């Protein structure tokens, strides 16, 4: 299942990194049961076609600046954990911005009866 991953020793894919060094990749976990795998594999194969991936990523590999994880870690860095409420708020805010940009945040403000300021609307 690592055929779509970038090849080479600098790849983010542990399997491709190992293969480029002439080593056998170590399995990190047992994997999914055959029952679950048979259900999701057709969907996975459809989602990982080169044509679709090219549309989604413009031919690039993972980009932490544009990924949802990158947006989440900007709000709630891994190094500092306050409480679960802060984590949940940060994740929700990140998902809104990732999906809709700052426009999504303005919509949340409106639903909370908060009037966005001039600079918020300009962002």
PDB file of N, CA and C in Angstrom:
ATOM      1  N   UNK A   1       0.816  -1.208   0.000  1.00  0.00           N
ATOM      2  CA  UNK A   1       0.000   0.000   0.000  1.00  0.00           C
ATOM      3  C   UNK A   1       0.858   1.270   0.000  1.00  0.00           C
ATOM      4  N   UNK A   2       2.166   1.125  -0.189  1.00  0.00           N
ATOM      5  CA  UNK A   2       3.041   2.287  -0.169  1.00  0.00           C
ATOM      6  C   UNK A   2       3.500   2.677  -1.572  1.00  0.00           C
ATOM      7  N   UNK A   3       2.805   2.150  -2.593  1.00  0.00           N
ATOM      8  CA  UNK A   3       3.184   2.414  -3.973  1.00  0.00           C
ATOM      9  C   UNK A   3       3.027   3.861  -4.393  1.00  0.00           C
ATOM     10  N   UNK A   4       2.153   4.608  -3.733  1.00  0.00           N
ATOM     11  CA  UNK A   4       1.936   6.016  -4.078  1.00  0.00           C
ATOM     12  C   UNK A   4       2.860   6.949  -3.295  1.00  0.00           C
ATOM     13  N   UNK A   5       3.581   6.406  -2.306  1.00  0.00           N
ATOM     14  CA  UNK A   5       4.451   7.223  -1.451  1.00  0.00           C
ATOM     15  C   UNK A   5       5.719   7.618  -2.202  1.00  0.00           C
ATOM     16  N   UNK A   6       6.287   8.782  -1.854  1.00  0.00           N
ATOM     17  CA  UNK A   6       7.538   9.201  -2.488  1.00  0.00           C
ATOM     18  C   UNK A   6       8.659   8.199  -2.184  1.00  0.00           C
ATOM     19  N   UNK A   7       9.509   7.967  -3.165  1.00  0.00           N
ATOM     20  CA  UNK A   7      10.597   7.000  -3.037  1.00  0.00           C
ATOM     21  C   UNK A   7      11.872   7.727  -2.619  1.00  0.00           C
ATOM     22  N   UNK A   8      12.695   7.056  -1.820  1.00  0.00           N
ATOM     23  CA  UNK A   8      14.007   7.609  -1.469  1.00  0.00           C
ATOM     24  C   UNK A   8      14.232   7.668   0.021  1.00  0.00           C
ATOM     25  N   UNK A   9      15.489   7.929   0.392  1.00  0.00           N
ATOM     26  CA  UNK A   9      15.854   7.937   1.808  1.00  0.00           C
ATOM     27  C   UNK A   9      15.296   9.147   2.556  1.00  0.00           C
ATOM     28  N   UNK A  10      14.860  10.188   1.846  1.00  0.00           N
ATOM     29  CA  UNK A  10      14.289  11.376   2.489  1.00  0.00           C
ATOM     30  C   UNK A  10      12.763  11.372   2.485  1.00  0.00           C
ATOM     31  N   UNK A  11      12.155  10.265   2.055  1.00  0.00           N
ATOM     32  CA  UNK A  11      10.696  10.164   2.003  1.00  0.00           C
ATOM     33  C   UNK A  11      10.102  10.227   3.403  1.00  0.00           C
ATOM     34  N   UNK A  12       8.899  10.784   3.525  1.00  0.00           N
ATOM     35  CA  UNK A  12       8.203  10.786   4.815  1.00  0.00           C
ATOM     36  C   UNK A  12       7.628   9.410   5.119  1.00  0.00           C
ATOM     37  N   UNK A  13       7.610   8.514   4.136  1.00  0.00           N
ATOM     38  CA  UNK A  13       7.054   7.169   4.291  1.00  0.00           C
ATOM     39  C   UNK A  13       8.119   6.232   4.867  1.00  0.00           C
ATOM     40  N   UNK A  14       7.846   5.669   6.048  1.00  0.00           N
ATOM     41  CA  UNK A  14       8.827   4.783   6.694  1.00  0.00           C
ATOM     42  C   UNK A  14       9.153   3.578   5.818  1.00  0.00           C
ATOM     43  N   UNK A  15       8.178   3.072   5.089  1.00  0.00           N
ATOM     44  CA  UNK A  15       8.383   1.894   4.254  1.00  0.00           C
ATOM     45  C   UNK A  15       9.329   2.207   3.090  1.00  0.00           C
ATOM     46  N   UNK A  16       9.089   3.311   2.409  1.00  0.00           N
ATOM     47  CA  UNK A  16       9.942   3.698   1.281  1.00  0.00           C
ATOM     48  C   UNK A  16      11.358   4.055   1.741  1.00  0.00           C
ATOM     49  N   UNK A  17      11.477   4.676   2.940  1.00  0.00           N
ATOM     50  CA  UNK A  17      12.804   4.986   3.482  1.00  0.00           C
ATOM     51  C   UNK A  17      13.602   3.706   3.707  1.00  0.00           C
ATOM     52  N   UNK A  18      12.945   2.709   4.321  1.00  0.00           N
ATOM     53  CA  UNK A  18      13.621   1.436   4.599  1.00  0.00           C
ATOM     54  C   UNK A  18      14.039   0.755   3.299  1.00  0.00           C
ATOM     55  N   UNK A  19      13.144   0.700   2.321  1.00  0.00           N
ATOM     56  CA  UNK A  19      13.454   0.049   1.046  1.00  0.00           C
ATOM     57  C   UNK A  19      14.626   0.726   0.334  1.00  0.00           C
ATOM     58  N   UNK A  20      14.709   2.058   0.434  1.00  0.00           N
ATOM     59  CA  UNK A  20      15.797   2.774  -0.237  1.00  0.00           C
ATOM     60  C   UNK A  20      17.155   2.465   0.393  1.00  0.00           C
ATOM     61  N   UNK A  21      17.150   2.010   1.654  1.00  0.00           N
ATOM     62  CA  UNK A  21      18.396   1.633   2.344  1.00  0.00           C
ATOM     63  C   UNK A  21      18.654   0.135   2.262  1.00  0.00           C
ATOM     64  N   UNK A  22      17.834  -0.588   1.500  1.00  0.00           N
ATOM     65  CA  UNK A  22      17.999  -2.022   1.350  1.00  0.00           C
ATOM     66  C   UNK A  22      17.522  -2.830   2.542  1.00  0.00           C
ATOM     67  N   UNK A  23      16.679  -2.233   3.383  1.00  0.00           N
ATOM     68  CA  UNK A  23      16.158  -2.920   4.565  1.00  0.00           C
ATOM     69  C   UNK A  23      14.707  -3.315   4.343  1.00  0.00           C
ATOM     70  N   UNK A  24      14.252  -4.284   5.112  1.00  0.00           N
ATOM     71  CA  UNK A  24      12.848  -4.676   5.073  1.00  0.00           C
ATOM     72  C   UNK A  24      12.083  -3.765   6.038  1.00  0.00           C
ATOM     73  N   UNK A  25      11.018  -3.109   5.577  1.00  0.00           N
ATOM     74  CA  UNK A  25      10.262  -2.217   6.465  1.00  0.00           C
ATOM     75  C   UNK A  25       9.641  -2.990   7.630  1.00  0.00           C
ATOM     76  N   UNK A  26       9.764  -2.425   8.825  1.00  0.00           N
ATOM     77  CA  UNK A  26       9.142  -3.041   9.999  1.00  0.00           C
ATOM     78  C   UNK A  26       7.678  -2.632  10.039  1.00  0.00           C
ATOM     79  N   UNK A  27       6.826  -3.597  10.324  1.00  0.00           N
ATOM     80  CA  UNK A  27       5.405  -3.284  10.450  1.00  0.00           C
ATOM     81  C   UNK A  27       5.183  -2.580  11.781  1.00  0.00           C
ATOM     82  N   UNK A  28       4.494  -1.456  11.753  1.00  0.00           N
ATOM     83  CA  UNK A  28       4.273  -0.679  12.966  1.00  0.00           C
ATOM     84  C   UNK A  28       3.097  -1.202  13.777  1.00  0.00           C
ATOM     85  N   UNK A  29       2.176  -1.894  13.156  1.00  0.00           N
ATOM     86  CA  UNK A  29       0.998  -2.415  13.845  1.00  0.00           C
ATOM     87  C   UNK A  29       0.463  -3.602  13.061  1.00  0.00           C
ATOM     88  N   UNK A  30      -0.431  -4.327  13.675  1.00  0.00           N
ATOM     89  CA  UNK A  30      -0.974  -5.528  13.034  1.00  0.00           C
ATOM     90  C   UNK A  30      -1.822  -5.195  11.814  1.00  0.00           C
ATOM     91  N   UNK A  31      -2.445  -4.075  11.811  1.00  0.00           N
ATOM     92  CA  UNK A  31      -3.284  -3.695  10.687  1.00  0.00           C
ATOM     93  C   UNK A  31      -4.756  -3.972  10.950  1.00  0.00           C
ATOM     94  N   UNK A  32      -5.547  -3.738   9.942  1.00  0.00           N
ATOM     95  CA  UNK A  32      -6.990  -3.913  10.047  1.00  0.00           C
ATOM     96  C   UNK A  32      -7.371  -5.367   9.808  1.00  0.00           C
ATOM     97  N   UNK A  33      -8.501  -5.740  10.353  1.00  0.00           N
ATOM     98  CA  UNK A  33      -8.995  -7.095  10.104  1.00  0.00           C
ATOM     99  C   UNK A  33      -9.389  -7.215   8.633  1.00  0.00           C
ATOM    100  N   UNK A  34      -9.385  -8.427   8.115  1.00  0.00           N
ATOM    101  CA  UNK A  34      -9.761  -8.638   6.709  1.00  0.00           C
ATOM    102  C   UNK A  34     -11.178  -8.166   6.431  1.00  0.00           C
ATOM    103  N   UNK A  35     -12.058  -8.307   7.408  1.00  0.00           N
ATOM    104  CA  UNK A  35     -13.445  -7.871   7.239  1.00  0.00           C
ATOM    105  C   UNK A  35     -13.508  -6.366   6.988  1.00  0.00           C
ATOM    106  N   UNK A  36     -12.802  -5.593   7.795  1.00  0.00           N
ATOM    107  CA  UNK A  36     -12.785  -4.135   7.638  1.00  0.00           C
ATOM    108  C   UNK A  36     -12.031  -3.764   6.363  1.00  0.00           C
ATOM    109  N   UNK A  37     -10.915  -4.420   6.129  1.00  0.00           N
ATOM    110  CA  UNK A  37     -10.106  -4.128   4.952  1.00  0.00           C
ATOM    111  C   UNK A  37     -10.885  -4.329   3.657  1.00  0.00           C
ATOM    112  N   UNK A  38     -11.674  -5.382   3.578  1.00  0.00           N
ATOM    113  CA  UNK A  38     -12.464  -5.648   2.371  1.00  0.00           C
ATOM    114  C   UNK A  38     -13.513  -4.572   2.124  1.00  0.00           C
ATOM    115  N   UNK A  39     -13.974  -3.927   3.188  1.00  0.00           N
ATOM    116  CA  UNK A  39     -14.973  -2.865   3.034  1.00  0.00           C
ATOM    117  C   UNK A  39     -14.330  -1.567   2.571  1.00  0.00           C
ATOM    118  N   UNK A  40     -13.195  -1.200   3.173  1.00  0.00           N
ATOM    119  CA  UNK A  40     -12.620   0.114   2.874  1.00  0.00           C
ATOM    120  C   UNK A  40     -11.607   0.115   1.730  1.00  0.00           C
ATOM    121  N   UNK A  41     -11.078  -1.032   1.355  1.00  0.00           N
ATOM    122  CA  UNK A  41     -10.042  -1.065   0.319  1.00  0.00           C
ATOM    123  C   UNK A  41     -10.505  -0.491  -1.020  1.00  0.00           C
ATOM    124  N   UNK A  42     -11.718  -0.808  -1.513  1.00  0.00           N
ATOM    125  CA  UNK A  42     -12.140  -0.200  -2.788  1.00  0.00           C
ATOM    126  C   UNK A  42     -12.200   1.330  -2.717  1.00  0.00           C
ATOM    127  N   UNK A  43     -12.627   1.858  -1.583  1.00  0.00           N
ATOM    128  CA  UNK A  43     -12.690   3.314  -1.419  1.00  0.00           C
ATOM    129  C   UNK A  43     -11.279   3.888  -1.411  1.00  0.00           C
ATOM    130  N   UNK A  44     -10.390   3.244  -0.657  1.00  0.00           N
ATOM    131  CA  UNK A  44      -8.993   3.685  -0.585  1.00  0.00           C
ATOM    132  C   UNK A  44      -8.358   3.697  -1.978  1.00  0.00           C
ATOM    133  N   UNK A  45      -8.537   2.618  -2.723  1.00  0.00           N
ATOM    134  CA  UNK A  45      -7.939   2.527  -4.054  1.00  0.00           C
ATOM    135  C   UNK A  45      -8.480   3.606  -4.989  1.00  0.00           C
ATOM    136  N   UNK A  46      -9.759   3.929  -4.842  1.00  0.00           N
ATOM    137  CA  UNK A  46     -10.347   4.994  -5.661  1.00  0.00           C
ATOM    138  C   UNK A  46      -9.762   6.356  -5.281  1.00  0.00           C
ATOM    139  N   UNK A  47      -9.556   6.566  -3.981  1.00  0.00           N
ATOM    140  CA  UNK A  47      -9.036   7.852  -3.513  1.00  0.00           C
ATOM    141  C   UNK A  47      -7.554   8.045  -3.808  1.00  0.00           C
ATOM    142  N   UNK A  48      -6.816   6.970  -4.035  1.00  0.00           N
ATOM    143  CA  UNK A  48      -5.369   7.120  -4.243  1.00  0.00           C
ATOM    144  C   UNK A  48      -4.950   6.963  -5.700  1.00  0.00           C
ATOM    145  N   UNK A  49      -5.881   7.161  -6.614  1.00  0.00           N
ATOM    146  CA  UNK A  49      -5.484   7.144  -8.023  1.00  0.00           C
ATOM    147  C   UNK A  49      -4.602   8.360  -8.305  1.00  0.00           C
ATOM    148  N   UNK A  50      -3.652   8.193  -9.193  1.00  0.00           N
ATOM    149  CA  UNK A  50      -2.732   9.299  -9.501  1.00  0.00           C
ATOM    150  C   UNK A  50      -3.483  10.528 -10.000  1.00  0.00           C
ATOM    151  N   UNK A  51      -4.541  10.307 -10.775  1.00  0.00           N
ATOM    152  CA  UNK A  51      -5.318  11.428 -11.315  1.00  0.00           C
ATOM    153  C   UNK A  51      -5.932  12.258 -10.187  1.00  0.00           C
ATOM    154  N   UNK A  52      -6.552  11.589  -9.227  1.00  0.00           N
ATOM    155  CA  UNK A  52      -7.184  12.304  -8.121  1.00  0.00           C
ATOM    156  C   UNK A  52      -6.139  12.960  -7.220  1.00  0.00           C
ATOM    157  N   UNK A  53      -5.059  12.248  -6.922  1.00  0.00           N
ATOM    158  CA  UNK A  53      -4.025  12.819  -6.063  1.00  0.00           C
ATOM    159  C   UNK A  53      -3.374  14.035  -6.707  1.00  0.00           C
ATOM    160  N   UNK A  54      -3.207  14.008  -8.012  1.00  0.00           N
ATOM    161  CA  UNK A  54      -2.632  15.157  -8.701  1.00  0.00           C
ATOM    162  C   UNK A  54      -3.538  16.372  -8.563  1.00  0.00           C
ATOM    163  N   UNK A  55      -4.841  16.165  -8.643  1.00  0.00           N
ATOM    164  CA  UNK A  55      -5.785  17.275  -8.469  1.00  0.00           C
ATOM    165  C   UNK A  55      -5.724  17.826  -7.054  1.00  0.00           C
ATOM    166  N   UNK A  56      -5.609  16.930  -6.084  1.00  0.00           N
ATOM    167  CA  UNK A  56      -5.640  17.343  -4.679  1.00  0.00           C
ATOM    168  C   UNK A  56      -4.345  18.007  -4.240  1.00  0.00           C
ATOM    169  N   UNK A  57      -3.220  17.487  -4.679  1.00  0.00           N
ATOM    170  CA  UNK A  57      -1.939  17.946  -4.162  1.00  0.00           C
ATOM    171  C   UNK A  57      -1.104  18.702  -5.176  1.00  0.00           C
ATOM    172  N   UNK A  58      -1.603  18.880  -6.358  1.00  0.00           N
ATOM    173  CA  UNK A  58      -0.879  19.562  -7.427  1.00  0.00           C
ATOM    174  C   UNK A  58       0.491  18.925  -7.638  1.00  0.00           C
ATOM    175  N   UNK A  59       0.536  17.586  -7.515  1.00  0.00           N
ATOM    176  CA  UNK A  59       1.773  16.860  -7.758  1.00  0.00           C
ATOM    177  C   UNK A  59       2.790  16.944  -6.646  1.00  0.00           C
ATOM    178  N   UNK A  60       2.432  17.490  -5.489  1.00  0.00           N
ATOM    179  CA  UNK A  60       3.374  17.636  -4.378  1.00  0.00           C
ATOM    180  C   UNK A  60       3.136  16.545  -3.348  1.00  0.00           C
ATOM    181  N   UNK A  61       4.079  16.426  -2.420  1.00  0.00           N
ATOM    182  CA  UNK A  61       3.907  15.492  -1.311  1.00  0.00           C
ATOM    183  C   UNK A  61       3.270  16.247  -0.151  1.00  0.00           C
ATOM    184  N   UNK A  62       3.272  15.651   1.014  1.00  0.00           N
ATOM    185  CA  UNK A  62       2.643  16.285   2.169  1.00  0.00           C
ATOM    186  C   UNK A  62       3.279  17.648   2.430  1.00  0.00           C
ATOM    187  N   UNK A  63       2.470  18.614   2.775  1.00  0.00           N
ATOM    188  CA  UNK A  63       2.944  19.956   3.065  1.00  0.00           C
ATOM    189  C   UNK A  63       2.386  20.363   4.414  1.00  0.00           C
ATOM    190  N   UNK A  64       3.254  20.453   5.426  1.00  0.00           N
ATOM    191  CA  UNK A  64       2.780  20.714   6.785  1.00  0.00           C
ATOM    192  C   UNK A  64       2.123  22.080   6.926  1.00  0.00           C
ATOM    193  N   UNK A  65       2.495  23.047   6.084  1.00  0.00           N
ATOM    194  CA  UNK A  65       1.889  24.370   6.183  1.00  0.00           C
ATOM    195  C   UNK A  65       0.434  24.369   5.742  1.00  0.00           C
ATOM    196  N   UNK A  66       0.054  23.432   4.877  1.00  0.00           N
ATOM    197  CA  UNK A  66      -1.301  23.411   4.358  1.00  0.00           C
ATOM    198  C   UNK A  66      -2.142  22.287   4.941  1.00  0.00           C
ATOM    199  N   UNK A  67      -1.532  21.397   5.698  1.00  0.00           N
ATOM    200  CA  UNK A  67      -2.284  20.261   6.222  1.00  0.00           C
ATOM    201  C   UNK A  67      -3.107  20.670   7.434  1.00  0.00           C
ATOM    202  N   UNK A  68      -4.149  19.917   7.688  1.00  0.00           N
ATOM    203  CA  UNK A  68      -4.984  20.177   8.861  1.00  0.00           C
ATOM    204  C   UNK A  68      -4.161  20.052  10.134  1.00  0.00           C
ATOM    205  N   UNK A  69      -3.281  19.057  10.191  1.00  0.00           N
ATOM    206  CA  UNK A  69      -2.448  18.908  11.386  1.00  0.00           C
ATOM    207  C   UNK A  69      -1.617  20.157  11.636  1.00  0.00           C
ATOM    208  N   UNK A  70      -1.065  20.733  10.575  1.00  0.00           N
ATOM    209  CA  UNK A  70      -0.272  21.950  10.718  1.00  0.00           C
ATOM    210  C   UNK A  70      -1.087  23.094  11.291  1.00  0.00           C
ATOM    211  N   UNK A  71      -2.328  23.232  10.836  1.00  0.00           N
ATOM    212  CA  UNK A  71      -3.199  24.298  11.342  1.00  0.00           C
ATOM    213  C   UNK A  71      -3.534  24.046  12.817  1.00  0.00           C
ATOM    214  N   UNK A  72      -3.779  22.791  13.172  1.00  0.00           N
ATOM    215  CA  UNK A  72      -4.088  22.459  14.575  1.00  0.00           C
ATOM    216  C   UNK A  72      -2.899  22.773  15.466  1.00  0.00           C
ATOM    217  N   UNK A  73      -1.701  22.333  15.068  1.00  0.00           N
ATOM    218  CA  UNK A  73      -0.532  22.524  15.934  1.00  0.00           C
ATOM    219  C   UNK A  73      -0.133  23.990  16.043  1.00  0.00           C
ATOM    220  N   UNK A  74      -0.553  24.838  15.094  1.00  0.00           N
ATOM    221  CA  UNK A  74      -0.322  26.277  15.244  1.00  0.00           C
ATOM    222  C   UNK A  74      -1.138  26.828  16.407  1.00  0.00           C
ATOM    223  N   UNK A  75      -2.334  26.288  16.598  1.00  0.00           N
ATOM    224  CA  UNK A  75      -3.220  26.778  17.649  1.00  0.00           C
ATOM    225  C   UNK A  75      -2.940  26.144  19.005  1.00  0.00           C
ATOM    226  N   UNK A  76      -2.687  24.863  19.005  1.00  0.00           N
ATOM    227  CA  UNK A  76      -2.414  24.140  20.256  1.00  0.00           C
ATOM    228  C   UNK A  76      -1.129  23.334  20.076  1.00  0.00           C
ATOM    229  N   UNK A  77       0.024  23.974  20.296  1.00  0.00           N
ATOM    230  CA  UNK A  77       1.299  23.286  20.098  1.00  0.00           C
ATOM    231  C   UNK A  77       1.418  22.039  20.971  1.00  0.00           C
ATOM    232  N   UNK A  78       2.078  21.031  20.447  1.00  0.00           N
ATOM    233  CA  UNK A  78       2.248  19.770  21.167  1.00  0.00           C
ATOM    234  C   UNK A  78       3.013  19.968  22.472  1.00  0.00           C
ATOM    235  N   UNK A  79       3.907  20.939  22.497  1.00  0.00           N
ATOM    236  CA  UNK A  79       4.772  21.137  23.657  1.00  0.00           C
ATOM    237  C   UNK A  79       4.029  21.700  24.868  1.00  0.00           C
ATOM    238  N   UNK A  80       2.906  22.367  24.641  1.00  0.00           N
ATOM    239  CA  UNK A  80       2.172  23.011  25.730  1.00  0.00           C
ATOM    240  C   UNK A  80       0.749  22.484  25.769  1.00  0.00           C
ATOM    241  N   UNK A  81       0.398  21.835  26.851  1.00  0.00           N
ATOM    242  CA  UNK A  81      -0.967  21.320  26.984  1.00  0.00           C
ATOM    243  C   UNK A  81      -1.594  21.935  28.219  1.00  0.00           C
ATOM    244  N   UNK A  82      -2.649  22.714  28.028  1.00  0.00           N
ATOM    245  CA  UNK A  82      -3.328  23.352  29.146  1.00  0.00           C
ATOM    246  C   UNK A  82      -4.400  22.457  29.723  1.00  0.00           C
ATOM    247  N   UNK A  83      -5.423  22.203  28.935  1.00  0.00           N
ATOM    248  CA  UNK A  83      -6.517  21.344  29.381  1.00  0.00           C
ATOM    249  C   UNK A  83      -7.271  20.850  28.148  1.00  0.00           C
ATOM    250  N   UNK A  84      -8.138  19.891  28.358  1.00  0.00           N
ATOM    251  CA  UNK A  84      -8.879  19.296  27.250  1.00  0.00           C
ATOM    252  C   UNK A  84      -9.773  20.329  26.561  1.00  0.00           C
ATOM    253  N   UNK A  85     -10.346  21.249  27.337  1.00  0.00           N
ATOM    254  CA  UNK A  85     -11.228  22.273  26.761  1.00  0.00           C
ATOM    255  C   UNK A  85     -10.452  23.156  25.772  1.00  0.00           C
ATOM    256  N   UNK A  86      -9.229  23.522  26.140  1.00  0.00           N
ATOM    257  CA  UNK A  86      -8.393  24.327  25.251  1.00  0.00           C
ATOM    258  C   UNK A  86      -8.058  23.555  23.982  1.00  0.00           C
ATOM    259  N   UNK A  87      -7.725  22.285  24.142  1.00  0.00           N
ATOM    260  CA  UNK A  87      -7.408  21.440  22.992  1.00  0.00           C
ATOM    261  C   UNK A  87      -8.602  21.336  22.048  1.00  0.00           C
ATOM    262  N   UNK A  88      -9.782  21.067  22.607  1.00  0.00           N
ATOM    263  CA  UNK A  88     -10.984  20.945  21.774  1.00  0.00           C
ATOM    264  C   UNK A  88     -11.291  22.252  21.048  1.00  0.00           C
ATOM    265  N   UNK A  89     -11.174  23.377  21.753  1.00  0.00           N
ATOM    266  CA  UNK A  89     -11.443  24.678  21.129  1.00  0.00           C
ATOM    267  C   UNK A  89     -10.472  24.941  19.988  1.00  0.00           C
ATOM    268  N   UNK A  90      -9.198  24.635  20.214  1.00  0.00           N
ATOM    269  CA  UNK A  90      -8.190  24.836  19.178  1.00  0.00           C
ATOM    270  C   UNK A  90      -8.440  23.977  17.952  1.00  0.00           C
ATOM    271  N   UNK A  91      -8.825  22.722  18.179  1.00  0.00           N
ATOM    272  CA  UNK A  91      -9.100  21.815  17.060  1.00  0.00           C
ATOM    273  C   UNK A  91     -10.325  22.291  16.283  1.00  0.00           C
ATOM    274  N   UNK A  92     -11.380  22.683  16.995  1.00  0.00           N
ATOM    275  CA  UNK A  92     -12.585  23.171  16.313  1.00  0.00           C
ATOM    276  C   UNK A  92     -12.280  24.412  15.480  1.00  0.00           C
ATOM    277  N   UNK A  93     -11.515  25.343  16.054  1.00  0.00           N
ATOM    278  CA  UNK A  93     -11.141  26.554  15.335  1.00  0.00           C
ATOM    279  C   UNK A  93     -10.302  26.211  14.102  1.00  0.00           C
ATOM    280  N   UNK A  94      -9.380  25.274  14.255  1.00  0.00           N
ATOM    281  CA  UNK A  94      -8.528  24.870  13.133  1.00  0.00           C
ATOM    282  C   UNK A  94      -9.348  24.242  12.011  1.00  0.00           C
ATOM    283  N   UNK A  95     -10.307  23.404  12.363  1.00  0.00           N
ATOM    284  CA  UNK A  95     -11.143  22.751  11.349  1.00  0.00           C
ATOM    285  C   UNK A  95     -11.963  23.786  10.590  1.00  0.00           C
ATOM    286  N   UNK A  96     -12.521  24.753  11.322  1.00  0.00           N
ATOM    287  CA  UNK A  96     -13.307  25.810  10.667  1.00  0.00           C
ATOM    288  C   UNK A  96     -12.436  26.585   9.688  1.00  0.00           C
ATOM    289  N   UNK A  97     -11.243  26.997  10.139  1.00  0.00           N
ATOM    290  CA  UNK A  97     -10.380  27.773   9.250  1.00  0.00           C
ATOM    291  C   UNK A  97      -9.869  26.925   8.093  1.00  0.00           C
ATOM    292  N   UNK A  98      -9.537  25.676   8.348  1.00  0.00           N
ATOM    293  CA  UNK A  98      -9.032  24.801   7.282  1.00  0.00           C
ATOM    294  C   UNK A  98     -10.086  24.617   6.195  1.00  0.00           C
ATOM    295  N   UNK A  99     -11.344  24.435   6.609  1.00  0.00           N
ATOM    296  CA  UNK A  99     -12.423  24.187   5.646  1.00  0.00           C
ATOM    297  C   UNK A  99     -12.893  25.451   4.947  1.00  0.00           C
ATOM    298  N   UNK A 100     -13.025  26.555   5.692  1.00  0.00           N
ATOM    299  CA  UNK A 100     -13.651  27.757   5.137  1.00  0.00           C
ATOM    300  C   UNK A 100     -12.791  29.012   5.209  1.00  0.00           C
ATOM    301  N   UNK A 101     -11.585  28.919   5.720  1.00  0.00           N
ATOM    302  CA  UNK A 101     -10.744  30.099   5.873  1.00  0.00           C
ATOM    303  C   UNK A 101     -11.299  31.014   6.960  1.00  0.00           C
ATOM    304  N   UNK A 102     -10.855  32.264   6.945  1.00  0.00           N
ATOM    305  CA  UNK A 102     -11.308  33.202   7.974  1.00  0.00           C
ATOM    306  C   UNK A 102     -12.794  33.521   7.836  1.00  0.00           C
ATOM    307  N   UNK A 103     -13.336  33.305   6.648  1.00  0.00           N
ATOM    308  CA  UNK A 103     -14.773  33.512   6.440  1.00  0.00           C
ATOM    309  C   UNK A 103     -15.578  32.632   7.399  1.00  0.00           C
ATOM    310  N   UNK A 104     -15.110  31.411   7.637  1.00  0.00           N
ATOM    311  CA  UNK A 104     -15.785  30.505   8.565  1.00  0.00           C
ATOM    312  C   UNK A 104     -15.772  31.038   9.983  1.00  0.00           C
ATOM    313  N   UNK A 105     -14.663  31.664  10.380  1.00  0.00           N
ATOM    314  CA  UNK A 105     -14.572  32.244  11.726  1.00  0.00           C
ATOM    315  C   UNK A 105     -15.563  33.392  11.885  1.00  0.00           C
ATOM    316  N   UNK A 106     -15.699  34.202  10.840  1.00  0.00           N
ATOM    317  CA  UNK A 106     -16.654  35.319  10.889  1.00  0.00           C
ATOM    318  C   UNK A 106     -18.072  34.783  11.055  1.00  0.00           C
ATOM    319  N   UNK A 107     -18.395  33.693  10.377  1.00  0.00           N
ATOM    320  CA  UNK A 107     -19.728  33.087  10.516  1.00  0.00           C
ATOM    321  C   UNK A 107     -19.969  32.607  11.949  1.00  0.00           C
ATOM    322  N   UNK A 108     -18.945  32.039  12.569  1.00  0.00           N
ATOM    323  CA  UNK A 108     -19.079  31.602  13.970  1.00  0.00           C
ATOM    324  C   UNK A 108     -19.325  32.807  14.860  1.00  0.00           C
ATOM    325  N   UNK A 109     -18.572  33.896  14.644  1.00  0.00           N
ATOM    326  CA  UNK A 109     -18.784  35.111  15.434  1.00  0.00           C
ATOM    327  C   UNK A 109     -20.221  35.597  15.310  1.00  0.00           C
ATOM    328  N   UNK A 110     -20.745  35.603  14.100  1.00  0.00           N
ATOM    329  CA  UNK A 110     -22.118  36.074  13.881  1.00  0.00           C
ATOM    330  C   UNK A 110     -23.123  35.206  14.625  1.00  0.00           C
ATOM    331  N   UNK A 111     -22.918  33.874  14.607  1.00  0.00           N
ATOM    332  CA  UNK A 111     -23.838  32.976  15.314  1.00  0.00           C
ATOM    333  C   UNK A 111     -23.756  33.147  16.824  1.00  0.00           C
ATOM    334  N   UNK A 112     -22.609  33.623  17.309  1.00  0.00           N
ATOM    335  CA  UNK A 112     -22.446  33.880  18.744  1.00  0.00           C
ATOM    336  C   UNK A 112     -22.843  35.312  19.106  1.00  0.00           C
ATOM    337  N   UNK A 113     -23.416  36.040  18.133  1.00  0.00           N
ATOM    338  CA  UNK A 113     -23.814  37.441  18.314  1.00  0.00           C
ATOM    339  C   UNK A 113     -22.629  38.331  18.681  1.00  0.00           C
ATOM    340  N   UNK A 114     -21.478  38.039  18.085  1.00  0.00           N
ATOM    341  CA  UNK A 114     -20.288  38.865  18.257  1.00  0.00           C
ATOM    342  C   UNK A 114     -20.084  39.609  16.948  1.00  0.00           C
ATOM    343  N   UNK A 115     -20.024  40.920  17.024  1.00  0.00           N
ATOM    344  CA  UNK A 115     -19.824  41.716  15.823  1.00  0.00           C
ATOM    345  C   UNK A 115     -18.339  41.739  15.490  1.00  0.00           C
ATOM    346  N   UNK A 116     -17.968  41.175  14.353  1.00  0.00           N
ATOM    347  CA  UNK A 116     -16.551  41.172  13.980  1.00  0.00           C
ATOM    348  C   UNK A 116     -16.066  42.594  13.735  1.00  0.00           C
ATOM    349  N   UNK A 117     -14.853  42.894  14.168  1.00  0.00           N
ATOM    350  CA  UNK A 117     -14.272  44.210  13.974  1.00  0.00           C
ATOM    351  C   UNK A 117     -13.759  44.411  12.561  1.00  0.00           C
ATOM    352  N   UNK A 118     -13.330  45.614  12.291  1.00  0.00           N
ATOM    353  CA  UNK A 118     -12.862  46.003  10.962  1.00  0.00           C
ATOM    354  C   UNK A 118     -11.733  45.092  10.478  1.00  0.00           C
ATOM    355  N   UNK A 119     -10.709  44.901  11.316  1.00  0.00           N
ATOM    356  CA  UNK A 119      -9.542  44.120  10.898  1.00  0.00           C
ATOM    357  C   UNK A 119      -9.865  42.634  10.768  1.00  0.00           C
ATOM    358  N   UNK A 120     -10.812  42.153  11.556  1.00  0.00           N
ATOM    359  CA  UNK A 120     -11.233  40.759  11.426  1.00  0.00           C
ATOM    360  C   UNK A 120     -11.887  40.545  10.072  1.00  0.00           C
ATOM    361  N   UNK A 121     -12.714  41.482   9.666  1.00  0.00           N
ATOM    362  CA  UNK A 121     -13.392  41.370   8.376  1.00  0.00           C
ATOM    363  C   UNK A 121     -12.420  41.524   7.210  1.00  0.00           C
ATOM    364  N   UNK A 122     -11.345  42.274   7.399  1.00  0.00           N
ATOM    365  CA  UNK A 122     -10.359  42.477   6.340  1.00  0.00           C
ATOM    366  C   UNK A 122      -9.459  41.257   6.164  1.00  0.00           C
ATOM    367  N   UNK A 123      -9.357  40.389   7.181  1.00  0.00           N
ATOM    368  CA  UNK A 123      -8.416  39.253   7.137  1.00  0.00           C
ATOM    369  C   UNK A 123      -8.775  38.234   6.123  1.00  0.00           C
TER     370      UNK A 123
END
